[in-house]
Amino acid sequence: MIKLVLAGLWVCILTAGTSYGVAYWKENGTLLPKDEYLDGLQYQKTRALSIPMVESGAVQGYIVARFVYTVEARTMHQLTVPPEPFVVDEAFRRIYADDKLDFRKLARYDLSVLTAGIKQRVNERMQADIVQDVLVEDFNYVSKEEFQQKP
């Protein structure tokens, strides 16, 4: 009989302790102070861009690109406007308007100039040094014929 009462008391203590631990965790979210986990860079991915390549008034193909940009975590949480729309817009504008991109005559494209230009223009438009770096995750060309083919 005493063993049964002690077992019941033990279950009650475990239940109360677990409930307290879960409530504490939900309230604080982490065991680290809030300022510590906001240090460092935060990586953000853009959505995939599909940029038409127009020549002689007709679409010849599409560049499919995806970028990753870095922002300081503390700065990212303080922003009222996220930088992603600016990064996407700048990337689209630069690639669409670039006369050096000619996929009929394949040549290496200087991606460092592209990413540096995107970073510079986004920071100018946001009027602060928000974006630390822009990286290329994906950069492909799909011709109009390949795009229209169905498997």
C-alpha atoms as a PDB file:
ATOM      1  CA  MET A   1       0.000   0.000   0.000  1.00  0.00           C
ATOM      2  CA  ILE A   2       2.826   2.441   0.879  1.00  0.00           C
ATOM      3  CA  LYS A   3       4.596   1.595  -2.382  1.00  0.00           C
ATOM      4  CA  LEU A   4       1.448   2.515  -4.303  1.00  0.00           C
ATOM      5  CA  VAL A   5       1.186   5.880  -2.504  1.00  0.00           C
ATOM      6  CA  LEU A   6       4.900   6.614  -3.081  1.00  0.00           C
ATOM      7  CA  ALA A   7       4.568   5.692  -6.770  1.00  0.00           C
ATOM      8  CA  GLY A   8       1.567   8.038  -7.092  1.00  0.00           C
ATOM      9  CA  LEU A   9       3.477  10.835  -5.321  1.00  0.00           C
ATOM     10  CA  TRP A  10       6.482  10.272  -7.623  1.00  0.00           C
ATOM     11  CA  VAL A  11       4.256  10.523 -10.746  1.00  0.00           C
ATOM     12  CA  CYS A  12       2.729  13.777  -9.434  1.00  0.00           C
ATOM     13  CA  ILE A  13       6.198  15.284  -8.805  1.00  0.00           C
ATOM     14  CA  LEU A  14       7.384  14.281 -12.306  1.00  0.00           C
ATOM     15  CA  THR A  15       4.250  15.714 -13.918  1.00  0.00           C
ATOM     16  CA  ALA A  16       4.555  19.002 -12.050  1.00  0.00           C
ATOM     17  CA  GLY A  17       8.280  19.304 -12.846  1.00  0.00           C
ATOM     18  CA  THR A  18       7.747  18.575 -16.531  1.00  0.00           C
ATOM     19  CA  SER A  19       4.890  21.081 -16.745  1.00  0.00           C
ATOM     20  CA  TYR A  20       7.049  23.738 -15.110  1.00  0.00           C
ATOM     21  CA  GLY A  21       9.944  23.002 -17.498  1.00  0.00           C
ATOM     22  CA  VAL A  22       7.735  23.208 -20.600  1.00  0.00           C
ATOM     23  CA  ALA A  23       6.101  26.447 -19.402  1.00  0.00           C
ATOM     24  CA  TYR A  24       9.539  27.967 -18.738  1.00  0.00           C
ATOM     25  CA  TRP A  25      10.813  26.889 -22.165  1.00  0.00           C
ATOM     26  CA  LYS A  26       7.746  28.313 -23.955  1.00  0.00           C
ATOM     27  CA  GLU A  27       8.082  31.629 -22.151  1.00  0.00           C
ATOM     28  CA  ASN A  28      11.807  32.121 -22.762  1.00  0.00           C
ATOM     29  CA  GLY A  29      12.168  30.212 -26.032  1.00  0.00           C
ATOM     30  CA  THR A  30      15.820  29.395 -25.371  1.00  0.00           C
ATOM     31  CA  LEU A  31      18.335  29.016 -22.624  1.00  0.00           C
ATOM     32  CA  LEU A  32      20.640  31.576 -24.281  1.00  0.00           C
ATOM     33  CA  PRO A  33      20.142  35.262 -23.628  1.00  0.00           C
ATOM     34  CA  LYS A  34      18.220  36.905 -26.477  1.00  0.00           C
ATOM     35  CA  ASP A  35      21.157  39.089 -27.552  1.00  0.00           C
ATOM     36  CA  GLU A  36      23.484  36.125 -28.082  1.00  0.00           C
ATOM     37  CA  TYR A  37      21.475  34.340 -30.753  1.00  0.00           C
ATOM     38  CA  LEU A  38      21.092  37.550 -32.785  1.00  0.00           C
ATOM     39  CA  ASP A  39      24.819  37.809 -33.477  1.00  0.00           C
ATOM     40  CA  GLY A  40      26.305  36.789 -36.804  1.00  0.00           C
ATOM     41  CA  LEU A  41      25.038  36.620 -40.352  1.00  0.00           C
ATOM     42  CA  GLN A  42      21.693  35.328 -41.485  1.00  0.00           C
ATOM     43  CA  TYR A  43      21.340  33.768 -44.949  1.00  0.00           C
ATOM     44  CA  GLN A  44      18.188  34.486 -46.931  1.00  0.00           C
ATOM     45  CA  LYS A  45      17.272  32.810 -50.228  1.00  0.00           C
ATOM     46  CA  THR A  46      15.368  34.569 -52.952  1.00  0.00           C
ATOM     47  CA  ARG A  47      12.675  32.878 -54.946  1.00  0.00           C
ATOM     48  CA  ALA A  48      13.685  31.471 -58.318  1.00  0.00           C
ATOM     49  CA  LEU A  49      13.766  34.165 -60.985  1.00  0.00           C
ATOM     50  CA  SER A  50      12.746  33.440 -64.555  1.00  0.00           C
ATOM     51  CA  ILE A  51      14.166  36.219 -66.711  1.00  0.00           C
ATOM     52  CA  PRO A  52      13.228  36.314 -70.415  1.00  0.00           C
ATOM     53  CA  MET A  53      15.990  36.889 -72.947  1.00  0.00           C
ATOM     54  CA  VAL A  54      14.472  39.011 -75.706  1.00  0.00           C
ATOM     55  CA  GLU A  55      16.095  39.534 -79.076  1.00  0.00           C
ATOM     56  CA  SER A  56      14.541  40.941 -82.251  1.00  0.00           C
ATOM     57  CA  GLY A  57      11.215  41.352 -80.491  1.00  0.00           C
ATOM     58  CA  ALA A  58      10.889  37.684 -79.524  1.00  0.00           C
ATOM     59  CA  VAL A  59      11.710  35.640 -76.441  1.00  0.00           C
ATOM     60  CA  GLN A  60      14.697  33.406 -77.193  1.00  0.00           C
ATOM     61  CA  GLY A  61      14.860  31.687 -73.814  1.00  0.00           C
ATOM     62  CA  TYR A  62      14.922  32.228 -70.081  1.00  0.00           C
ATOM     63  CA  ILE A  63      17.592  32.632 -67.461  1.00  0.00           C
ATOM     64  CA  VAL A  64      16.595  30.861 -64.278  1.00  0.00           C
ATOM     65  CA  ALA A  65      18.489  32.234 -61.301  1.00  0.00           C
ATOM     66  CA  ARG A  66      18.328  32.059 -57.529  1.00  0.00           C
ATOM     67  CA  PHE A  67      20.415  34.139 -55.165  1.00  0.00           C
ATOM     68  CA  VAL A  68      21.358  33.997 -51.502  1.00  0.00           C
ATOM     69  CA  TYR A  69      22.113  37.182 -49.612  1.00  0.00           C
ATOM     70  CA  THR A  70      23.524  37.698 -46.145  1.00  0.00           C
ATOM     71  CA  VAL A  71      22.310  40.194 -43.568  1.00  0.00           C
ATOM     72  CA  GLU A  72      23.365  40.647 -39.964  1.00  0.00           C
ATOM     73  CA  ALA A  73      20.792  38.852 -37.823  1.00  0.00           C
ATOM     74  CA  ARG A  74      20.297  41.794 -35.469  1.00  0.00           C
ATOM     75  CA  THR A  75      19.734  44.168 -38.408  1.00  0.00           C
ATOM     76  CA  MET A  76      17.316  41.740 -40.092  1.00  0.00           C
ATOM     77  CA  HIS A  77      15.081  41.655 -37.005  1.00  0.00           C
ATOM     78  CA  GLN A  78      15.032  45.466 -36.828  1.00  0.00           C
ATOM     79  CA  LEU A  79      14.047  46.080 -40.471  1.00  0.00           C
ATOM     80  CA  THR A  80      10.512  47.169 -41.264  1.00  0.00           C
ATOM     81  CA  VAL A  81      10.928  46.292 -44.957  1.00  0.00           C
ATOM     82  CA  PRO A  82      12.671  43.036 -45.891  1.00  0.00           C
ATOM     83  CA  PRO A  83      15.518  43.324 -48.420  1.00  0.00           C
ATOM     84  CA  GLU A  84      14.369  40.378 -50.569  1.00  0.00           C
ATOM     85  CA  PRO A  85      12.128  42.364 -52.957  1.00  0.00           C
ATOM     86  CA  PHE A  86      14.998  44.777 -53.568  1.00  0.00           C
ATOM     87  CA  VAL A  87      17.461  41.942 -54.236  1.00  0.00           C
ATOM     88  CA  VAL A  88      15.040  40.216 -56.632  1.00  0.00           C
ATOM     89  CA  ASP A  89      14.246  43.469 -58.443  1.00  0.00           C
ATOM     90  CA  GLU A  90      17.904  44.473 -58.821  1.00  0.00           C
ATOM     91  CA  ALA A  91      18.920  40.995 -60.039  1.00  0.00           C
ATOM     92  CA  PHE A  92      16.107  40.969 -62.602  1.00  0.00           C
ATOM     93  CA  ARG A  93      16.944  44.474 -63.846  1.00  0.00           C
ATOM     94  CA  ARG A  94      20.674  43.773 -64.172  1.00  0.00           C
ATOM     95  CA  ILE A  95      20.302  40.470 -65.987  1.00  0.00           C
ATOM     96  CA  TYR A  96      17.448  41.601 -68.253  1.00  0.00           C
ATOM     97  CA  ALA A  97      19.241  44.783 -69.339  1.00  0.00           C
ATOM     98  CA  ASP A  98      22.722  43.251 -69.753  1.00  0.00           C
ATOM     99  CA  ASP A  99      23.808  43.218 -73.411  1.00  0.00           C
ATOM    100  CA  LYS A 100      26.799  40.969 -72.639  1.00  0.00           C
ATOM    101  CA  LEU A 101      24.563  37.951 -72.038  1.00  0.00           C
ATOM    102  CA  ASP A 102      24.377  36.143 -75.373  1.00  0.00           C
ATOM    103  CA  PHE A 103      23.691  32.444 -75.055  1.00  0.00           C
ATOM    104  CA  ARG A 104      24.086  31.810 -78.772  1.00  0.00           C
ATOM    105  CA  LYS A 105      27.774  32.573 -78.232  1.00  0.00           C
ATOM    106  CA  LEU A 106      28.546  30.953 -74.937  1.00  0.00           C
ATOM    107  CA  ALA A 107      31.166  32.727 -72.869  1.00  0.00           C
ATOM    108  CA  ARG A 108      31.874  32.989 -69.193  1.00  0.00           C
ATOM    109  CA  TYR A 109      29.795  35.591 -67.454  1.00  0.00           C
ATOM    110  CA  ASP A 110      31.412  37.578 -64.662  1.00  0.00           C
ATOM    111  CA  LEU A 111      29.131  36.734 -61.758  1.00  0.00           C
ATOM    112  CA  SER A 112      31.236  38.678 -59.246  1.00  0.00           C
ATOM    113  CA  VAL A 113      30.429  41.921 -61.073  1.00  0.00           C
ATOM    114  CA  LEU A 114      26.740  40.969 -61.087  1.00  0.00           C
ATOM    115  CA  THR A 115      26.590  40.139 -57.365  1.00  0.00           C
ATOM    116  CA  ALA A 116      28.651  43.176 -56.338  1.00  0.00           C
ATOM    117  CA  GLY A 117      26.365  45.414 -58.388  1.00  0.00           C
ATOM    118  CA  ILE A 118      23.243  43.890 -56.832  1.00  0.00           C
ATOM    119  CA  LYS A 119      24.651  44.383 -53.322  1.00  0.00           C
ATOM    120  CA  GLN A 120      25.663  47.983 -54.004  1.00  0.00           C
ATOM    121  CA  ARG A 121      22.324  49.007 -55.554  1.00  0.00           C
ATOM    122  CA  VAL A 122      20.220  47.291 -52.858  1.00  0.00           C
ATOM    123  CA  ASN A 123      22.175  49.056 -50.110  1.00  0.00           C
ATOM    124  CA  GLU A 124      21.789  52.384 -51.963  1.00  0.00           C
ATOM    125  CA  ARG A 125      18.053  51.881 -52.343  1.00  0.00           C
ATOM    126  CA  MET A 126      17.628  50.896 -48.686  1.00  0.00           C
ATOM    127  CA  GLN A 127      19.870  53.834 -47.665  1.00  0.00           C
ATOM    128  CA  ALA A 128      22.016  51.686 -45.339  1.00  0.00           C
ATOM    129  CA  ASP A 129      24.549  48.846 -45.474  1.00  0.00           C
ATOM    130  CA  ILE A 130      22.000  46.088 -45.008  1.00  0.00           C
ATOM    131  CA  VAL A 131      23.136  43.375 -47.425  1.00  0.00           C
ATOM    132  CA  GLN A 132      26.613  42.094 -46.606  1.00  0.00           C
ATOM    133  CA  ASP A 133      27.068  39.733 -49.547  1.00  0.00           C
ATOM    134  CA  VAL A 134      25.149  38.289 -52.489  1.00  0.00           C
ATOM    135  CA  LEU A 135      25.829  34.723 -53.594  1.00  0.00           C
ATOM    136  CA  VAL A 136      24.659  32.793 -56.650  1.00  0.00           C
ATOM    137  CA  GLU A 137      22.813  29.598 -55.796  1.00  0.00           C
ATOM    138  CA  ASP A 138      21.570  28.756 -59.288  1.00  0.00           C
ATOM    139  CA  PHE A 139      22.129  30.322 -62.718  1.00  0.00           C
ATOM    140  CA  ASN A 140      20.888  28.463 -65.814  1.00  0.00           C
ATOM    141  CA  TYR A 141      19.709  29.190 -69.314  1.00  0.00           C
ATOM    142  CA  VAL A 142      16.729  27.396 -70.842  1.00  0.00           C
ATOM    143  CA  SER A 143      16.042  27.949 -74.532  1.00  0.00           C
ATOM    144  CA  LYS A 144      12.521  28.604 -75.736  1.00  0.00           C
ATOM    145  CA  GLU A 145      12.430  25.207 -77.462  1.00  0.00           C
ATOM    146  CA  GLU A 146      13.508  23.346 -74.320  1.00  0.00           C
ATOM    147  CA  PHE A 147      10.979  25.273 -72.277  1.00  0.00           C
ATOM    148  CA  GLN A 148       8.101  24.370 -74.627  1.00  0.00           C
ATOM    149  CA  GLN A 149       8.976  20.670 -74.865  1.00  0.00           C
ATOM    150  CA  LYS A 150       6.775  18.435 -72.791  1.00  0.00           C
ATOM    151  CA  PRO A 151       8.223  15.220 -71.334  1.00  0.00           C
END
